[in-house]
């Protein structure tokens, strides 16, 4: 009888220890999940703060008329998308002058020496507006010896991500460039040989 009581006591202590270990393991897992959720929330808050600062800097550059939109991709009028190098595909505005440059790797001989074209002209008719969500829009024209186009820029609220729709005035070869908008003095672009 003593032997049975002793075995029962050992079994109950062993079961209690296993239950306690499972409870401790589950508590650790829940604490780890909670800490991970807190870290993710903090990271999202910091990202939102950085994105908001980048948006404000880009918006200030637009208003000052000194900016560069470095394109990561280009969409042609037929809907074809090409990923491009942001330091050779851009739209820039500085001191009332605008530059539009494209450069594609598969064209060896090109007017700008980079596989595309570089055109410059005077910027006019600049209009900046915002929608109810906070997105910024800028409509303007660039007129020069090799370019006559209307450009529509959209700057997405909370980021410095931008899109520019370029519509030449004398043909239907429209182009959309998507990328990031930065102040002119922070741009990392390389300008090819200008056409005219």
C-alpha atoms as a PDB file:
ATOM      1  CA  UNK A   1       0.000   0.000   0.000  1.00  0.00           C
ATOM      2  CA  UNK A   2       2.846   2.340   0.872  1.00  0.00           C
ATOM      3  CA  UNK A   3       4.410   1.425  -2.402  1.00  0.00           C
ATOM      4  CA  UNK A   4       1.246   2.368  -4.342  1.00  0.00           C
ATOM      5  CA  UNK A   5       0.945   5.653  -2.465  1.00  0.00           C
ATOM      6  CA  UNK A   6       4.582   6.416  -3.167  1.00  0.00           C
ATOM      7  CA  UNK A   7       4.157   5.658  -6.888  1.00  0.00           C
ATOM      8  CA  UNK A   8       0.970   7.772  -7.029  1.00  0.00           C
ATOM      9  CA  UNK A   9       2.772  10.667  -5.333  1.00  0.00           C
ATOM     10  CA  UNK A  10       5.671  10.426  -7.807  1.00  0.00           C
ATOM     11  CA  UNK A  11       3.284  10.322 -10.769  1.00  0.00           C
ATOM     12  CA  UNK A  12       1.357  13.352  -9.504  1.00  0.00           C
ATOM     13  CA  UNK A  13       4.597  15.308  -8.962  1.00  0.00           C
ATOM     14  CA  UNK A  14       5.835  14.303 -12.428  1.00  0.00           C
ATOM     15  CA  UNK A  15       2.525  15.329 -14.051  1.00  0.00           C
ATOM     16  CA  UNK A  16       2.563  18.595 -12.144  1.00  0.00           C
ATOM     17  CA  UNK A  17       6.125  19.284 -13.344  1.00  0.00           C
ATOM     18  CA  UNK A  18       5.163  18.537 -16.968  1.00  0.00           C
ATOM     19  CA  UNK A  19       2.085  20.780 -16.684  1.00  0.00           C
ATOM     20  CA  UNK A  20       4.200  23.517 -15.163  1.00  0.00           C
ATOM     21  CA  UNK A  21       6.820  23.169 -17.947  1.00  0.00           C
ATOM     22  CA  UNK A  22       4.116  23.371 -20.629  1.00  0.00           C
ATOM     23  CA  UNK A  23       2.624  26.429 -18.953  1.00  0.00           C
ATOM     24  CA  UNK A  24       6.052  28.090 -18.762  1.00  0.00           C
ATOM     25  CA  UNK A  25       6.802  27.258 -22.416  1.00  0.00           C
ATOM     26  CA  UNK A  26       3.470  28.690 -23.526  1.00  0.00           C
ATOM     27  CA  UNK A  27       4.010  31.819 -21.425  1.00  0.00           C
ATOM     28  CA  UNK A  28       7.428  32.298 -23.047  1.00  0.00           C
ATOM     29  CA  UNK A  29       5.943  31.823 -26.519  1.00  0.00           C
ATOM     30  CA  UNK A  30       3.190  34.358 -25.815  1.00  0.00           C
ATOM     31  CA  UNK A  31       5.703  36.832 -24.380  1.00  0.00           C
ATOM     32  CA  UNK A  32       7.899  36.385 -27.483  1.00  0.00           C
ATOM     33  CA  UNK A  33       4.894  36.971 -29.802  1.00  0.00           C
ATOM     34  CA  UNK A  34       3.914  40.071 -27.846  1.00  0.00           C
ATOM     35  CA  UNK A  35       7.477  41.457 -27.983  1.00  0.00           C
ATOM     36  CA  UNK A  36       7.616  40.766 -31.740  1.00  0.00           C
ATOM     37  CA  UNK A  37       4.327  42.610 -32.256  1.00  0.00           C
ATOM     38  CA  UNK A  38       5.651  45.593 -30.281  1.00  0.00           C
ATOM     39  CA  UNK A  39       8.888  45.640 -32.347  1.00  0.00           C
ATOM     40  CA  UNK A  40       6.897  45.527 -35.600  1.00  0.00           C
ATOM     41  CA  UNK A  41       4.613  48.357 -34.458  1.00  0.00           C
ATOM     42  CA  UNK A  42       7.636  50.502 -33.503  1.00  0.00           C
ATOM     43  CA  UNK A  43       9.305  49.770 -36.864  1.00  0.00           C
ATOM     44  CA  UNK A  44       6.128  50.807 -38.700  1.00  0.00           C
ATOM     45  CA  UNK A  45       5.969  54.037 -36.686  1.00  0.00           C
ATOM     46  CA  UNK A  46       9.589  54.896 -37.543  1.00  0.00           C
ATOM     47  CA  UNK A  47       8.988  54.041 -41.203  1.00  0.00           C
ATOM     48  CA  UNK A  48       5.922  56.294 -41.266  1.00  0.00           C
ATOM     49  CA  UNK A  49       7.927  59.147 -39.710  1.00  0.00           C
ATOM     50  CA  UNK A  50      10.747  58.719 -42.257  1.00  0.00           C
ATOM     51  CA  UNK A  51       8.286  58.493 -45.154  1.00  0.00           C
ATOM     52  CA  UNK A  52       6.481  61.599 -43.946  1.00  0.00           C
ATOM     53  CA  UNK A  53       9.771  63.511 -43.763  1.00  0.00           C
ATOM     54  CA  UNK A  54      10.706  62.319 -47.281  1.00  0.00           C
ATOM     55  CA  UNK A  55       7.296  63.464 -48.577  1.00  0.00           C
ATOM     56  CA  UNK A  56       7.665  66.898 -46.998  1.00  0.00           C
ATOM     57  CA  UNK A  57      11.183  67.291 -48.395  1.00  0.00           C
ATOM     58  CA  UNK A  58       9.949  66.298 -51.884  1.00  0.00           C
ATOM     59  CA  UNK A  59       6.956  68.655 -51.626  1.00  0.00           C
ATOM     60  CA  UNK A  60       9.229  71.530 -50.559  1.00  0.00           C
ATOM     61  CA  UNK A  61      11.502  70.796 -53.539  1.00  0.00           C
ATOM     62  CA  UNK A  62       8.488  70.902 -55.884  1.00  0.00           C
ATOM     63  CA  UNK A  63       7.398  74.252 -54.494  1.00  0.00           C
ATOM     64  CA  UNK A  64      10.943  75.634 -54.772  1.00  0.00           C
ATOM     65  CA  UNK A  65      11.194  74.492 -58.402  1.00  0.00           C
ATOM     66  CA  UNK A  66      14.411  72.570 -57.793  1.00  0.00           C
ATOM     67  CA  UNK A  67      13.913  68.804 -57.976  1.00  0.00           C
ATOM     68  CA  UNK A  68      14.721  65.557 -59.781  1.00  0.00           C
ATOM     69  CA  UNK A  69      12.421  62.556 -60.264  1.00  0.00           C
ATOM     70  CA  UNK A  70      14.736  59.563 -60.650  1.00  0.00           C
ATOM     71  CA  UNK A  71      12.841  56.863 -62.575  1.00  0.00           C
ATOM     72  CA  UNK A  72      12.982  53.177 -61.649  1.00  0.00           C
ATOM     73  CA  UNK A  73      10.704  52.136 -64.496  1.00  0.00           C
ATOM     74  CA  UNK A  74       9.228  53.536 -67.683  1.00  0.00           C
ATOM     75  CA  UNK A  75       5.839  52.671 -69.191  1.00  0.00           C
ATOM     76  CA  UNK A  76       5.401  53.291 -72.909  1.00  0.00           C
ATOM     77  CA  UNK A  77       2.103  54.247 -74.576  1.00  0.00           C
ATOM     78  CA  UNK A  78       1.472  50.614 -75.609  1.00  0.00           C
ATOM     79  CA  UNK A  79       1.633  49.580 -71.928  1.00  0.00           C
ATOM     80  CA  UNK A  80       5.068  47.955 -72.126  1.00  0.00           C
ATOM     81  CA  UNK A  81       7.006  48.361 -68.856  1.00  0.00           C
ATOM     82  CA  UNK A  82      10.802  48.569 -68.719  1.00  0.00           C
ATOM     83  CA  UNK A  83      12.879  48.684 -65.564  1.00  0.00           C
ATOM     84  CA  UNK A  84      15.634  51.247 -65.928  1.00  0.00           C
ATOM     85  CA  UNK A  85      18.573  52.745 -64.067  1.00  0.00           C
ATOM     86  CA  UNK A  86      17.476  55.675 -61.913  1.00  0.00           C
ATOM     87  CA  UNK A  87      20.691  57.637 -62.403  1.00  0.00           C
ATOM     88  CA  UNK A  88      20.251  57.868 -66.202  1.00  0.00           C
ATOM     89  CA  UNK A  89      16.431  58.059 -66.502  1.00  0.00           C
ATOM     90  CA  UNK A  90      14.958  61.154 -64.925  1.00  0.00           C
ATOM     91  CA  UNK A  91      13.077  64.415 -65.161  1.00  0.00           C
ATOM     92  CA  UNK A  92      14.788  67.426 -63.568  1.00  0.00           C
ATOM     93  CA  UNK A  93      13.729  71.020 -62.962  1.00  0.00           C
ATOM     94  CA  UNK A  94      16.187  73.701 -61.825  1.00  0.00           C
ATOM     95  CA  UNK A  95      16.185  77.494 -62.261  1.00  0.00           C
ATOM     96  CA  UNK A  96      13.251  77.472 -64.679  1.00  0.00           C
ATOM     97  CA  UNK A  97      14.815  74.873 -66.956  1.00  0.00           C
ATOM     98  CA  UNK A  98      13.667  71.306 -67.358  1.00  0.00           C
ATOM     99  CA  UNK A  99      15.481  68.177 -68.525  1.00  0.00           C
ATOM    100  CA  UNK A 100      13.955  64.885 -69.614  1.00  0.00           C
ATOM    101  CA  UNK A 101      16.375  62.012 -70.137  1.00  0.00           C
ATOM    102  CA  UNK A 102      15.871  58.364 -71.068  1.00  0.00           C
ATOM    103  CA  UNK A 103      18.587  55.740 -71.431  1.00  0.00           C
ATOM    104  CA  UNK A 104      18.053  52.124 -72.410  1.00  0.00           C
ATOM    105  CA  UNK A 105      20.826  49.544 -72.475  1.00  0.00           C
ATOM    106  CA  UNK A 106      19.845  47.878 -75.761  1.00  0.00           C
ATOM    107  CA  UNK A 107      20.364  50.963 -77.975  1.00  0.00           C
ATOM    108  CA  UNK A 108      24.051  51.354 -78.758  1.00  0.00           C
ATOM    109  CA  UNK A 109      23.800  54.415 -80.995  1.00  0.00           C
ATOM    110  CA  UNK A 110      21.667  57.165 -79.586  1.00  0.00           C
ATOM    111  CA  UNK A 111      21.590  60.963 -79.520  1.00  0.00           C
ATOM    112  CA  UNK A 112      22.705  61.173 -75.876  1.00  0.00           C
ATOM    113  CA  UNK A 113      25.314  58.418 -75.928  1.00  0.00           C
ATOM    114  CA  UNK A 114      23.464  56.471 -73.202  1.00  0.00           C
ATOM    115  CA  UNK A 115      20.919  54.611 -75.321  1.00  0.00           C
ATOM    116  CA  UNK A 116      18.178  57.220 -75.292  1.00  0.00           C
ATOM    117  CA  UNK A 117      17.595  60.952 -75.535  1.00  0.00           C
ATOM    118  CA  UNK A 118      18.298  63.988 -73.382  1.00  0.00           C
ATOM    119  CA  UNK A 119      16.168  67.029 -74.096  1.00  0.00           C
ATOM    120  CA  UNK A 120      16.096  70.384 -72.338  1.00  0.00           C
ATOM    121  CA  UNK A 121      13.860  73.405 -72.387  1.00  0.00           C
ATOM    122  CA  UNK A 122      12.204  76.142 -70.393  1.00  0.00           C
ATOM    123  CA  UNK A 123       9.587  75.236 -67.802  1.00  0.00           C
ATOM    124  CA  UNK A 124       6.296  77.136 -67.887  1.00  0.00           C
ATOM    125  CA  UNK A 125       2.711  76.980 -66.640  1.00  0.00           C
ATOM    126  CA  UNK A 126       3.579  75.312 -63.313  1.00  0.00           C
ATOM    127  CA  UNK A 127       0.528  74.521 -61.207  1.00  0.00           C
ATOM    128  CA  UNK A 128       0.701  72.625 -57.909  1.00  0.00           C
ATOM    129  CA  UNK A 129      -2.403  71.245 -56.216  1.00  0.00           C
ATOM    130  CA  UNK A 130      -3.340  68.698 -53.535  1.00  0.00           C
ATOM    131  CA  UNK A 131      -6.307  66.343 -53.301  1.00  0.00           C
ATOM    132  CA  UNK A 132      -8.378  65.548 -50.210  1.00  0.00           C
ATOM    133  CA  UNK A 133      -6.093  62.604 -49.379  1.00  0.00           C
ATOM    134  CA  UNK A 134      -2.956  64.778 -49.403  1.00  0.00           C
ATOM    135  CA  UNK A 135      -1.426  63.634 -52.713  1.00  0.00           C
ATOM    136  CA  UNK A 136       0.378  66.428 -54.555  1.00  0.00           C
ATOM    137  CA  UNK A 137      -0.010  67.123 -58.273  1.00  0.00           C
ATOM    138  CA  UNK A 138       2.055  69.355 -60.517  1.00  0.00           C
ATOM    139  CA  UNK A 139       1.206  70.187 -64.116  1.00  0.00           C
ATOM    140  CA  UNK A 140       3.732  72.036 -66.265  1.00  0.00           C
ATOM    141  CA  UNK A 141       5.175  72.331 -69.759  1.00  0.00           C
ATOM    142  CA  UNK A 142       8.702  72.150 -71.119  1.00  0.00           C
ATOM    143  CA  UNK A 143       9.484  73.962 -74.387  1.00  0.00           C
ATOM    144  CA  UNK A 144      12.852  73.801 -76.099  1.00  0.00           C
ATOM    145  CA  UNK A 145      14.603  73.078 -79.399  1.00  0.00           C
ATOM    146  CA  UNK A 146      13.928  69.326 -79.181  1.00  0.00           C
ATOM    147  CA  UNK A 147      10.999  69.156 -76.767  1.00  0.00           C
ATOM    148  CA  UNK A 148       7.515  70.530 -76.531  1.00  0.00           C
ATOM    149  CA  UNK A 149       5.594  68.543 -73.969  1.00  0.00           C
ATOM    150  CA  UNK A 150       3.064  68.714 -71.176  1.00  0.00           C
ATOM    151  CA  UNK A 151       4.033  66.872 -67.994  1.00  0.00           C
ATOM    152  CA  UNK A 152       1.751  65.745 -65.170  1.00  0.00           C
ATOM    153  CA  UNK A 153       3.469  64.746 -61.933  1.00  0.00           C
ATOM    154  CA  UNK A 154       1.849  62.907 -59.023  1.00  0.00           C
ATOM    155  CA  UNK A 155       3.573  62.734 -55.622  1.00  0.00           C
ATOM    156  CA  UNK A 156       2.025  60.106 -53.360  1.00  0.00           C
ATOM    157  CA  UNK A 157       1.237  61.289 -49.830  1.00  0.00           C
ATOM    158  CA  UNK A 158       3.463  59.932 -47.068  1.00  0.00           C
ATOM    159  CA  UNK A 159       6.329  58.963 -49.427  1.00  0.00           C
ATOM    160  CA  UNK A 160       8.594  60.523 -51.999  1.00  0.00           C
ATOM    161  CA  UNK A 161       7.335  58.092 -54.670  1.00  0.00           C
ATOM    162  CA  UNK A 162       6.302  59.964 -57.803  1.00  0.00           C
ATOM    163  CA  UNK A 163       4.985  59.373 -61.280  1.00  0.00           C
ATOM    164  CA  UNK A 164       5.324  61.663 -64.309  1.00  0.00           C
ATOM    165  CA  UNK A 165       3.147  61.365 -67.411  1.00  0.00           C
ATOM    166  CA  UNK A 166       4.894  62.989 -70.382  1.00  0.00           C
ATOM    167  CA  UNK A 167       2.719  63.946 -73.335  1.00  0.00           C
ATOM    168  CA  UNK A 168       4.522  65.443 -76.357  1.00  0.00           C
ATOM    169  CA  UNK A 169       2.497  68.231 -77.980  1.00  0.00           C
ATOM    170  CA  UNK A 170       3.203  67.183 -81.591  1.00  0.00           C
ATOM    171  CA  UNK A 171       2.908  63.372 -81.471  1.00  0.00           C
ATOM    172  CA  UNK A 172       1.253  60.636 -79.435  1.00  0.00           C
ATOM    173  CA  UNK A 173       4.415  59.006 -78.062  1.00  0.00           C
ATOM    174  CA  UNK A 174       3.427  59.354 -74.410  1.00  0.00           C
ATOM    175  CA  UNK A 175       5.615  58.039 -71.656  1.00  0.00           C
ATOM    176  CA  UNK A 176       5.168  57.490 -67.922  1.00  0.00           C
ATOM    177  CA  UNK A 177       8.150  57.452 -65.560  1.00  0.00           C
ATOM    178  CA  UNK A 178       7.841  56.119 -61.995  1.00  0.00           C
ATOM    179  CA  UNK A 179      10.421  56.592 -59.250  1.00  0.00           C
ATOM    180  CA  UNK A 180      11.437  58.810 -56.356  1.00  0.00           C
ATOM    181  CA  UNK A 181      11.453  62.589 -56.178  1.00  0.00           C
ATOM    182  CA  UNK A 182      14.371  64.266 -54.414  1.00  0.00           C
ATOM    183  CA  UNK A 183      15.693  67.822 -54.113  1.00  0.00           C
ATOM    184  CA  UNK A 184      17.966  68.785 -57.017  1.00  0.00           C
ATOM    185  CA  UNK A 185      21.111  68.954 -54.890  1.00  0.00           C
ATOM    186  CA  UNK A 186      20.538  65.407 -53.554  1.00  0.00           C
ATOM    187  CA  UNK A 187      20.120  63.795 -56.978  1.00  0.00           C
ATOM    188  CA  UNK A 188      22.535  61.134 -58.181  1.00  0.00           C
ATOM    189  CA  UNK A 189      21.950  61.400 -61.923  1.00  0.00           C
ATOM    190  CA  UNK A 190      24.290  61.369 -64.900  1.00  0.00           C
ATOM    191  CA  UNK A 191      23.405  63.605 -67.836  1.00  0.00           C
ATOM    192  CA  UNK A 192      24.106  62.499 -71.384  1.00  0.00           C
ATOM    193  CA  UNK A 193      24.703  64.653 -74.448  1.00  0.00           C
ATOM    194  CA  UNK A 194      21.765  67.007 -74.867  1.00  0.00           C
ATOM    195  CA  UNK A 195      19.806  66.978 -78.135  1.00  0.00           C
ATOM    196  CA  UNK A 196      19.814  70.542 -79.452  1.00  0.00           C
END
